[in-house]
Amino acid sequence: MKSTSKILKIAIVIPVLFLLFYHISKLYAIYFGNDIVNSNDFLHSFQDNIPVSAIITIQSILRGIIIIGLTLIIFRKNIGLVLMWLGIGTLISTQFFIVSQSNHELILSIHSGLKPLKGLILPIVITYLYNKIKPTKISNHVF
């Protein structure tokens, strides 16, 4: 039983570390690198009344929430799952909003259709593994 638990713990750390690396490097690229969101083509591809910089700031805050949630998952805190899902769910909804408001070819190719939903794959795996390691206790209340 202990070897299964160790394997599950290793299996959860791999996608968590991948997502941590991805979101930290994405934030770095946005603020210190040469990310597409910093280009004039991207910034001017939206309708006039869309506050693009506010959306980018909101997405950055959501990435921070995701990073905090993933870190808490490593420390086996249940609130980590909630924060991860809150951040990822809202981030995906902002991606759908961006594609609906932009005419930039790259944005349309990256986020068109259901492509933002691919961001749910690893959180689903993480949640499944987390619940296998630390099952939630169901109370005996009758509904």
N, C-alpha and C. Protein backbone atom coordinates (compact mmCIF):
# COMPACT_ATOMS: atom_id res chain seq x y z
N MET A 1 0.80 -1.19 0.00
CA MET A 1 0.00 0.00 0.00
C MET A 1 0.85 1.26 0.00
N LYS A 2 1.96 1.22 0.73
CA LYS A 2 2.82 2.41 0.80
C LYS A 2 3.46 2.71 -0.54
N SER A 3 3.82 1.68 -1.32
CA SER A 3 4.45 1.92 -2.61
C SER A 3 3.45 2.56 -3.58
N THR A 4 2.18 2.16 -3.49
CA THR A 4 1.14 2.77 -4.32
C THR A 4 0.98 4.24 -3.97
N SER A 5 1.02 4.55 -2.70
CA SER A 5 0.90 5.94 -2.25
C SER A 5 2.07 6.78 -2.76
N LYS A 6 3.27 6.21 -2.71
CA LYS A 6 4.45 6.95 -3.21
C LYS A 6 4.35 7.17 -4.70
N ILE A 7 3.88 6.18 -5.43
CA ILE A 7 3.73 6.32 -6.89
C ILE A 7 2.70 7.41 -7.20
N LEU A 8 1.59 7.42 -6.46
CA LEU A 8 0.57 8.45 -6.66
C LEU A 8 1.12 9.84 -6.34
N LYS A 9 1.92 9.94 -5.28
CA LYS A 9 2.50 11.23 -4.93
C LYS A 9 3.45 11.72 -6.01
N ILE A 10 4.25 10.82 -6.55
CA ILE A 10 5.16 11.19 -7.65
C ILE A 10 4.34 11.57 -8.89
N ALA A 11 3.28 10.79 -9.15
CA ALA A 11 2.44 11.05 -10.32
C ALA A 11 1.75 12.41 -10.24
N ILE A 12 1.42 12.87 -9.05
CA ILE A 12 0.76 14.17 -8.92
C ILE A 12 1.78 15.31 -9.01
N VAL A 13 2.99 15.08 -8.55
CA VAL A 13 4.01 16.13 -8.57
C VAL A 13 4.40 16.49 -10.01
N ILE A 14 4.42 15.52 -10.90
CA ILE A 14 4.84 15.78 -12.28
C ILE A 14 3.94 16.81 -12.98
N PRO A 15 2.61 16.60 -13.04
CA PRO A 15 1.79 17.63 -13.69
C PRO A 15 1.74 18.95 -12.93
N VAL A 16 1.83 18.88 -11.59
CA VAL A 16 1.84 20.12 -10.80
C VAL A 16 3.08 20.94 -11.13
N LEU A 17 4.25 20.31 -11.17
CA LEU A 17 5.48 21.03 -11.49
C LEU A 17 5.45 21.55 -12.92
N PHE A 18 4.88 20.77 -13.83
CA PHE A 18 4.75 21.24 -15.22
C PHE A 18 3.91 22.51 -15.28
N LEU A 19 2.75 22.49 -14.62
CA LEU A 19 1.88 23.68 -14.64
C LEU A 19 2.52 24.86 -13.92
N LEU A 20 3.21 24.60 -12.83
CA LEU A 20 3.93 25.68 -12.14
C LEU A 20 4.95 26.32 -13.08
N PHE A 21 5.75 25.48 -13.74
CA PHE A 21 6.75 25.99 -14.67
C PHE A 21 6.08 26.76 -15.80
N TYR A 22 5.00 26.23 -16.35
CA TYR A 22 4.31 26.88 -17.46
C TYR A 22 3.80 28.27 -17.06
N HIS A 23 3.08 28.35 -15.95
CA HIS A 23 2.48 29.63 -15.57
C HIS A 23 3.52 30.65 -15.11
N ILE A 24 4.57 30.20 -14.43
CA ILE A 24 5.64 31.13 -14.04
C ILE A 24 6.37 31.63 -15.28
N SER A 25 6.66 30.74 -16.21
CA SER A 25 7.37 31.18 -17.43
C SER A 25 6.48 32.07 -18.30
N LYS A 26 5.19 31.82 -18.29
CA LYS A 26 4.26 32.67 -19.05
C LYS A 26 4.23 34.08 -18.45
N LEU A 27 4.17 34.17 -17.13
CA LEU A 27 4.22 35.49 -16.47
C LEU A 27 5.54 36.20 -16.77
N TYR A 28 6.63 35.45 -16.73
CA TYR A 28 7.94 36.04 -17.02
C TYR A 28 7.96 36.57 -18.46
N ALA A 29 7.44 35.78 -19.40
CA ALA A 29 7.44 36.20 -20.80
C ALA A 29 6.57 37.44 -21.01
N ILE A 30 5.46 37.52 -20.31
CA ILE A 30 4.57 38.67 -20.47
C ILE A 30 5.24 39.95 -19.95
N TYR A 31 5.87 39.87 -18.77
CA TYR A 31 6.38 41.08 -18.14
C TYR A 31 7.85 41.37 -18.41
N PHE A 32 8.64 40.36 -18.74
CA PHE A 32 10.07 40.59 -18.95
C PHE A 32 10.56 40.10 -20.31
N GLY A 33 9.72 39.39 -21.03
CA GLY A 33 10.14 38.81 -22.29
C GLY A 33 9.46 39.46 -23.48
N ASN A 34 9.32 38.67 -24.51
CA ASN A 34 8.76 39.16 -25.76
C ASN A 34 7.50 38.35 -26.09
N ASP A 35 6.52 38.35 -25.21
CA ASP A 35 5.29 37.60 -25.41
C ASP A 35 4.40 38.32 -26.41
N ILE A 36 3.54 37.57 -27.09
CA ILE A 36 2.64 38.14 -28.10
C ILE A 36 1.75 39.24 -27.52
N VAL A 37 1.39 39.13 -26.24
CA VAL A 37 0.49 40.14 -25.65
C VAL A 37 1.15 41.50 -25.53
N ASN A 38 2.47 41.56 -25.71
CA ASN A 38 3.17 42.84 -25.67
C ASN A 38 3.30 43.49 -27.04
N SER A 39 2.91 42.79 -28.08
CA SER A 39 3.08 43.32 -29.43
C SER A 39 1.98 44.32 -29.76
N ASN A 40 2.31 45.30 -30.59
CA ASN A 40 1.33 46.30 -31.02
C ASN A 40 0.22 45.66 -31.84
N ASP A 41 0.58 44.65 -32.66
CA ASP A 41 -0.44 43.96 -33.46
C ASP A 41 -1.52 43.36 -32.56
N PHE A 42 -1.08 42.73 -31.48
CA PHE A 42 -2.04 42.12 -30.57
C PHE A 42 -2.87 43.19 -29.87
N LEU A 43 -2.22 44.19 -29.33
CA LEU A 43 -2.92 45.22 -28.56
C LEU A 43 -3.91 46.00 -29.40
N HIS A 44 -3.64 46.13 -30.70
CA HIS A 44 -4.54 46.90 -31.57
C HIS A 44 -5.50 46.01 -32.35
N SER A 45 -5.58 44.73 -32.00
CA SER A 45 -6.46 43.82 -32.72
C SER A 45 -7.84 43.71 -32.09
N PHE A 46 -8.09 44.49 -31.05
CA PHE A 46 -9.36 44.43 -30.35
C PHE A 46 -10.24 45.61 -30.72
N GLN A 47 -11.52 45.46 -30.44
CA GLN A 47 -12.44 46.56 -30.65
C GLN A 47 -12.05 47.69 -29.70
N ASP A 48 -12.41 48.89 -30.05
CA ASP A 48 -11.96 50.07 -29.30
C ASP A 48 -12.37 50.09 -27.83
N ASN A 49 -13.49 49.54 -27.49
CA ASN A 49 -13.98 49.65 -26.11
C ASN A 49 -13.51 48.51 -25.20
N ILE A 50 -12.59 47.69 -25.65
CA ILE A 50 -12.10 46.56 -24.85
C ILE A 50 -10.82 46.98 -24.12
N PRO A 51 -10.82 46.92 -22.78
CA PRO A 51 -9.61 47.28 -22.02
C PRO A 51 -8.62 46.11 -21.99
N VAL A 52 -7.81 46.00 -23.04
CA VAL A 52 -6.90 44.87 -23.21
C VAL A 52 -5.91 44.77 -22.06
N SER A 53 -5.35 45.89 -21.65
CA SER A 53 -4.37 45.83 -20.56
C SER A 53 -5.01 45.34 -19.26
N ALA A 54 -6.27 45.68 -19.03
CA ALA A 54 -6.96 45.18 -17.84
C ALA A 54 -7.17 43.67 -17.92
N ILE A 55 -7.48 43.17 -19.10
CA ILE A 55 -7.67 41.73 -19.28
C ILE A 55 -6.35 40.99 -19.05
N ILE A 56 -5.24 41.54 -19.56
CA ILE A 56 -3.93 40.93 -19.36
C ILE A 56 -3.58 40.94 -17.87
N THR A 57 -3.90 42.02 -17.19
CA THR A 57 -3.64 42.10 -15.74
C THR A 57 -4.48 41.07 -14.99
N ILE A 58 -5.74 40.95 -15.35
CA ILE A 58 -6.63 39.96 -14.72
C ILE A 58 -6.08 38.55 -14.95
N GLN A 59 -5.64 38.28 -16.18
CA GLN A 59 -5.08 36.96 -16.48
C GLN A 59 -3.81 36.71 -15.65
N SER A 60 -3.01 37.73 -15.45
CA SER A 60 -1.80 37.58 -14.64
C SER A 60 -2.15 37.27 -13.19
N ILE A 61 -3.17 37.94 -12.66
CA ILE A 61 -3.62 37.67 -11.30
C ILE A 61 -4.14 36.24 -11.20
N LEU A 62 -4.88 35.80 -12.22
CA LEU A 62 -5.40 34.44 -12.22
C LEU A 62 -4.25 33.42 -12.27
N ARG A 63 -3.22 33.73 -13.04
CA ARG A 63 -2.04 32.84 -13.08
C ARG A 63 -1.38 32.79 -11.69
N GLY A 64 -1.35 33.92 -11.00
CA GLY A 64 -0.83 33.94 -9.63
C GLY A 64 -1.65 33.06 -8.71
N ILE A 65 -2.97 33.12 -8.85
CA ILE A 65 -3.86 32.27 -8.05
C ILE A 65 -3.61 30.80 -8.37
N ILE A 66 -3.42 30.49 -9.64
CA ILE A 66 -3.12 29.11 -10.04
C ILE A 66 -1.81 28.65 -9.41
N ILE A 67 -0.79 29.50 -9.45
CA ILE A 67 0.52 29.17 -8.89
C ILE A 67 0.40 28.91 -7.38
N ILE A 68 -0.34 29.76 -6.68
CA ILE A 68 -0.55 29.57 -5.24
C ILE A 68 -1.29 28.25 -4.99
N GLY A 69 -2.34 27.99 -5.77
CA GLY A 69 -3.10 26.77 -5.61
C GLY A 69 -2.25 25.53 -5.85
N LEU A 70 -1.43 25.55 -6.89
CA LEU A 70 -0.57 24.40 -7.19
C LEU A 70 0.46 24.19 -6.08
N THR A 71 0.98 25.27 -5.55
CA THR A 71 1.94 25.17 -4.45
C THR A 71 1.27 24.55 -3.22
N LEU A 72 0.04 24.97 -2.94
CA LEU A 72 -0.69 24.40 -1.80
C LEU A 72 -1.01 22.92 -2.02
N ILE A 73 -1.23 22.53 -3.27
CA ILE A 73 -1.48 21.12 -3.58
C ILE A 73 -0.25 20.30 -3.23
N ILE A 74 0.93 20.83 -3.53
CA ILE A 74 2.17 20.12 -3.19
C ILE A 74 2.24 19.90 -1.67
N PHE A 75 1.78 20.88 -0.91
CA PHE A 75 1.78 20.77 0.55
C PHE A 75 0.51 20.09 1.09
N ARG A 76 -0.28 19.51 0.18
CA ARG A 76 -1.47 18.73 0.50
C ARG A 76 -2.51 19.51 1.29
N LYS A 77 -2.74 20.73 0.87
CA LYS A 77 -3.79 21.57 1.45
C LYS A 77 -4.99 21.56 0.51
N ASN A 78 -6.16 21.23 1.04
CA ASN A 78 -7.36 21.11 0.20
C ASN A 78 -7.71 22.41 -0.51
N ILE A 79 -7.43 23.54 0.09
CA ILE A 79 -7.75 24.83 -0.54
C ILE A 79 -6.99 25.01 -1.85
N GLY A 80 -5.89 24.28 -2.01
CA GLY A 80 -5.11 24.36 -3.24
C GLY A 80 -5.92 23.95 -4.46
N LEU A 81 -6.71 22.90 -4.32
CA LEU A 81 -7.56 22.47 -5.44
C LEU A 81 -8.58 23.54 -5.79
N VAL A 82 -9.17 24.13 -4.77
CA VAL A 82 -10.17 25.18 -5.01
C VAL A 82 -9.54 26.36 -5.75
N LEU A 83 -8.38 26.80 -5.28
CA LEU A 83 -7.71 27.93 -5.93
C LEU A 83 -7.29 27.59 -7.35
N MET A 84 -6.77 26.37 -7.55
CA MET A 84 -6.37 25.96 -8.89
C MET A 84 -7.56 26.01 -9.84
N TRP A 85 -8.69 25.43 -9.42
CA TRP A 85 -9.87 25.41 -10.28
C TRP A 85 -10.47 26.80 -10.48
N LEU A 86 -10.46 27.61 -9.44
CA LEU A 86 -10.95 28.99 -9.58
C LEU A 86 -10.11 29.75 -10.61
N GLY A 87 -8.79 29.65 -10.47
CA GLY A 87 -7.90 30.34 -11.40
C GLY A 87 -8.00 29.82 -12.81
N ILE A 88 -7.98 28.51 -12.98
CA ILE A 88 -7.99 27.93 -14.32
C ILE A 88 -9.34 28.14 -15.00
N GLY A 89 -10.41 27.94 -14.28
CA GLY A 89 -11.73 28.15 -14.87
C GLY A 89 -11.93 29.58 -15.34
N THR A 90 -11.54 30.52 -14.53
CA THR A 90 -11.69 31.93 -14.89
C THR A 90 -10.72 32.31 -16.00
N LEU A 91 -9.50 31.79 -15.97
CA LEU A 91 -8.53 32.07 -17.03
C LEU A 91 -9.04 31.56 -18.37
N ILE A 92 -9.62 30.38 -18.39
CA ILE A 92 -10.17 29.84 -19.63
C ILE A 92 -11.32 30.71 -20.13
N SER A 93 -12.15 31.20 -19.23
CA SER A 93 -13.25 32.07 -19.66
C SER A 93 -12.73 33.38 -20.24
N THR A 94 -11.62 33.91 -19.69
CA THR A 94 -11.05 35.13 -20.28
C THR A 94 -10.45 34.85 -21.66
N GLN A 95 -9.95 33.63 -21.87
CA GLN A 95 -9.43 33.29 -23.19
C GLN A 95 -10.55 33.23 -24.22
N PHE A 96 -11.72 32.68 -23.82
CA PHE A 96 -12.86 32.69 -24.72
C PHE A 96 -13.29 34.13 -25.02
N PHE A 97 -13.25 34.99 -24.01
CA PHE A 97 -13.61 36.39 -24.21
C PHE A 97 -12.64 37.08 -25.17
N ILE A 98 -11.35 36.83 -24.99
CA ILE A 98 -10.34 37.46 -25.86
C ILE A 98 -10.56 37.07 -27.31
N VAL A 99 -10.77 35.79 -27.57
CA VAL A 99 -10.94 35.36 -28.96
C VAL A 99 -12.22 35.94 -29.57
N SER A 100 -13.23 36.17 -28.73
CA SER A 100 -14.47 36.73 -29.25
C SER A 100 -14.34 38.22 -29.57
N GLN A 101 -13.31 38.87 -29.03
CA GLN A 101 -13.15 40.30 -29.21
C GLN A 101 -11.97 40.68 -30.12
N SER A 102 -11.21 39.70 -30.60
CA SER A 102 -10.00 39.99 -31.36
C SER A 102 -10.14 39.52 -32.81
N ASN A 103 -9.41 40.19 -33.68
CA ASN A 103 -9.33 39.74 -35.06
C ASN A 103 -7.89 39.37 -35.43
N HIS A 104 -7.05 39.21 -34.43
CA HIS A 104 -5.64 38.86 -34.64
C HIS A 104 -5.55 37.37 -35.02
N GLU A 105 -4.89 37.07 -36.13
CA GLU A 105 -4.82 35.70 -36.63
C GLU A 105 -4.22 34.72 -35.63
N LEU A 106 -3.15 35.12 -34.96
CA LEU A 106 -2.51 34.23 -34.00
C LEU A 106 -3.44 33.91 -32.84
N ILE A 107 -4.12 34.91 -32.33
CA ILE A 107 -5.06 34.69 -31.22
C ILE A 107 -6.19 33.78 -31.66
N LEU A 108 -6.70 34.02 -32.86
CA LEU A 108 -7.78 33.18 -33.37
C LEU A 108 -7.31 31.74 -33.55
N SER A 109 -6.08 31.54 -33.97
CA SER A 109 -5.59 30.18 -34.17
C SER A 109 -5.29 29.48 -32.85
N ILE A 110 -4.84 30.22 -31.84
CA ILE A 110 -4.52 29.63 -30.55
C ILE A 110 -5.77 29.32 -29.74
N HIS A 111 -6.72 30.24 -29.72
CA HIS A 111 -7.86 30.13 -28.81
C HIS A 111 -9.20 29.88 -29.50
N SER A 112 -9.21 29.57 -30.79
CA SER A 112 -10.50 29.40 -31.47
C SER A 112 -11.18 28.10 -31.08
N GLY A 113 -12.48 28.08 -31.24
CA GLY A 113 -13.24 26.88 -30.94
C GLY A 113 -13.16 26.49 -29.48
N LEU A 114 -12.90 25.22 -29.26
CA LEU A 114 -12.83 24.70 -27.89
C LEU A 114 -11.39 24.53 -27.42
N LYS A 115 -10.42 25.10 -28.13
CA LYS A 115 -9.01 24.93 -27.78
C LYS A 115 -8.67 25.36 -26.35
N PRO A 116 -9.27 26.42 -25.80
CA PRO A 116 -8.93 26.76 -24.40
C PRO A 116 -9.27 25.65 -23.41
N LEU A 117 -10.19 24.76 -23.77
CA LEU A 117 -10.59 23.69 -22.86
C LEU A 117 -9.48 22.65 -22.66
N LYS A 118 -8.47 22.67 -23.52
CA LYS A 118 -7.34 21.73 -23.32
C LYS A 118 -6.62 22.05 -22.01
N GLY A 119 -6.81 23.27 -21.51
CA GLY A 119 -6.23 23.66 -20.23
C GLY A 119 -6.87 22.95 -19.04
N LEU A 120 -7.91 22.18 -19.27
CA LEU A 120 -8.57 21.44 -18.20
C LEU A 120 -7.98 20.05 -17.99
N ILE A 121 -7.22 19.55 -18.95
CA ILE A 121 -6.75 18.16 -18.91
C ILE A 121 -5.89 17.91 -17.67
N LEU A 122 -4.82 18.67 -17.48
CA LEU A 122 -3.93 18.44 -16.34
C LEU A 122 -4.61 18.73 -15.00
N PRO A 123 -5.43 19.77 -14.87
CA PRO A 123 -6.14 19.95 -13.60
C PRO A 123 -7.06 18.78 -13.26
N ILE A 124 -7.67 18.17 -14.26
CA ILE A 124 -8.51 17.00 -14.02
C ILE A 124 -7.65 15.85 -13.50
N VAL A 125 -6.49 15.64 -14.13
CA VAL A 125 -5.57 14.58 -13.69
C VAL A 125 -5.09 14.86 -12.26
N ILE A 126 -4.71 16.11 -11.99
CA ILE A 126 -4.25 16.48 -10.65
C ILE A 126 -5.33 16.25 -9.62
N THR A 127 -6.55 16.65 -9.92
CA THR A 127 -7.67 16.47 -8.98
C THR A 127 -7.93 15.00 -8.72
N TYR A 128 -7.92 14.20 -9.77
CA TYR A 128 -8.14 12.76 -9.62
C TYR A 128 -7.07 12.14 -8.72
N LEU A 129 -5.80 12.45 -9.01
CA LEU A 129 -4.71 11.88 -8.22
C LEU A 129 -4.74 12.39 -6.78
N TYR A 130 -5.03 13.67 -6.61
CA TYR A 130 -5.11 14.25 -5.27
C TYR A 130 -6.17 13.54 -4.44
N ASN A 131 -7.31 13.29 -5.05
CA ASN A 131 -8.40 12.62 -4.34
C ASN A 131 -8.09 11.14 -4.07
N LYS A 132 -7.25 10.54 -4.91
CA LYS A 132 -6.82 9.16 -4.65
C LYS A 132 -5.87 9.11 -3.45
N ILE A 133 -5.04 10.14 -3.31
CA ILE A 133 -4.08 10.20 -2.21
C ILE A 133 -4.78 10.60 -0.91
N LYS A 134 -5.59 11.64 -1.00
CA LYS A 134 -6.24 12.20 0.19
C LYS A 134 -7.74 12.23 -0.05
N PRO A 135 -8.42 11.09 0.15
CA PRO A 135 -9.87 11.07 -0.10
C PRO A 135 -10.61 11.98 0.86
N THR A 136 -11.64 12.61 0.35
CA THR A 136 -12.43 13.49 1.20
C THR A 136 -13.37 12.65 2.06
N LYS A 137 -13.60 13.12 3.26
CA LYS A 137 -14.49 12.42 4.17
C LYS A 137 -15.91 12.91 3.95
N ILE A 138 -16.80 11.97 3.71
CA ILE A 138 -18.20 12.30 3.50
C ILE A 138 -18.93 12.13 4.82
N SER A 139 -19.67 13.15 5.18
CA SER A 139 -20.37 13.07 6.46
C SER A 139 -21.57 12.11 6.34
N ASN A 140 -22.05 11.70 7.46
CA ASN A 140 -23.17 10.74 7.49
C ASN A 140 -24.53 11.43 7.48
N HIS A 141 -24.57 12.67 7.07
CA HIS A 141 -25.83 13.40 7.06
C HIS A 141 -26.73 12.86 5.95
N VAL A 142 -28.00 12.79 6.22
CA VAL A 142 -28.98 12.38 5.23
C VAL A 142 -29.58 13.65 4.65
N PHE A 143 -29.63 13.69 3.35
CA PHE A 143 -30.16 14.90 2.69
C PHE A 143 -31.64 14.84 2.60
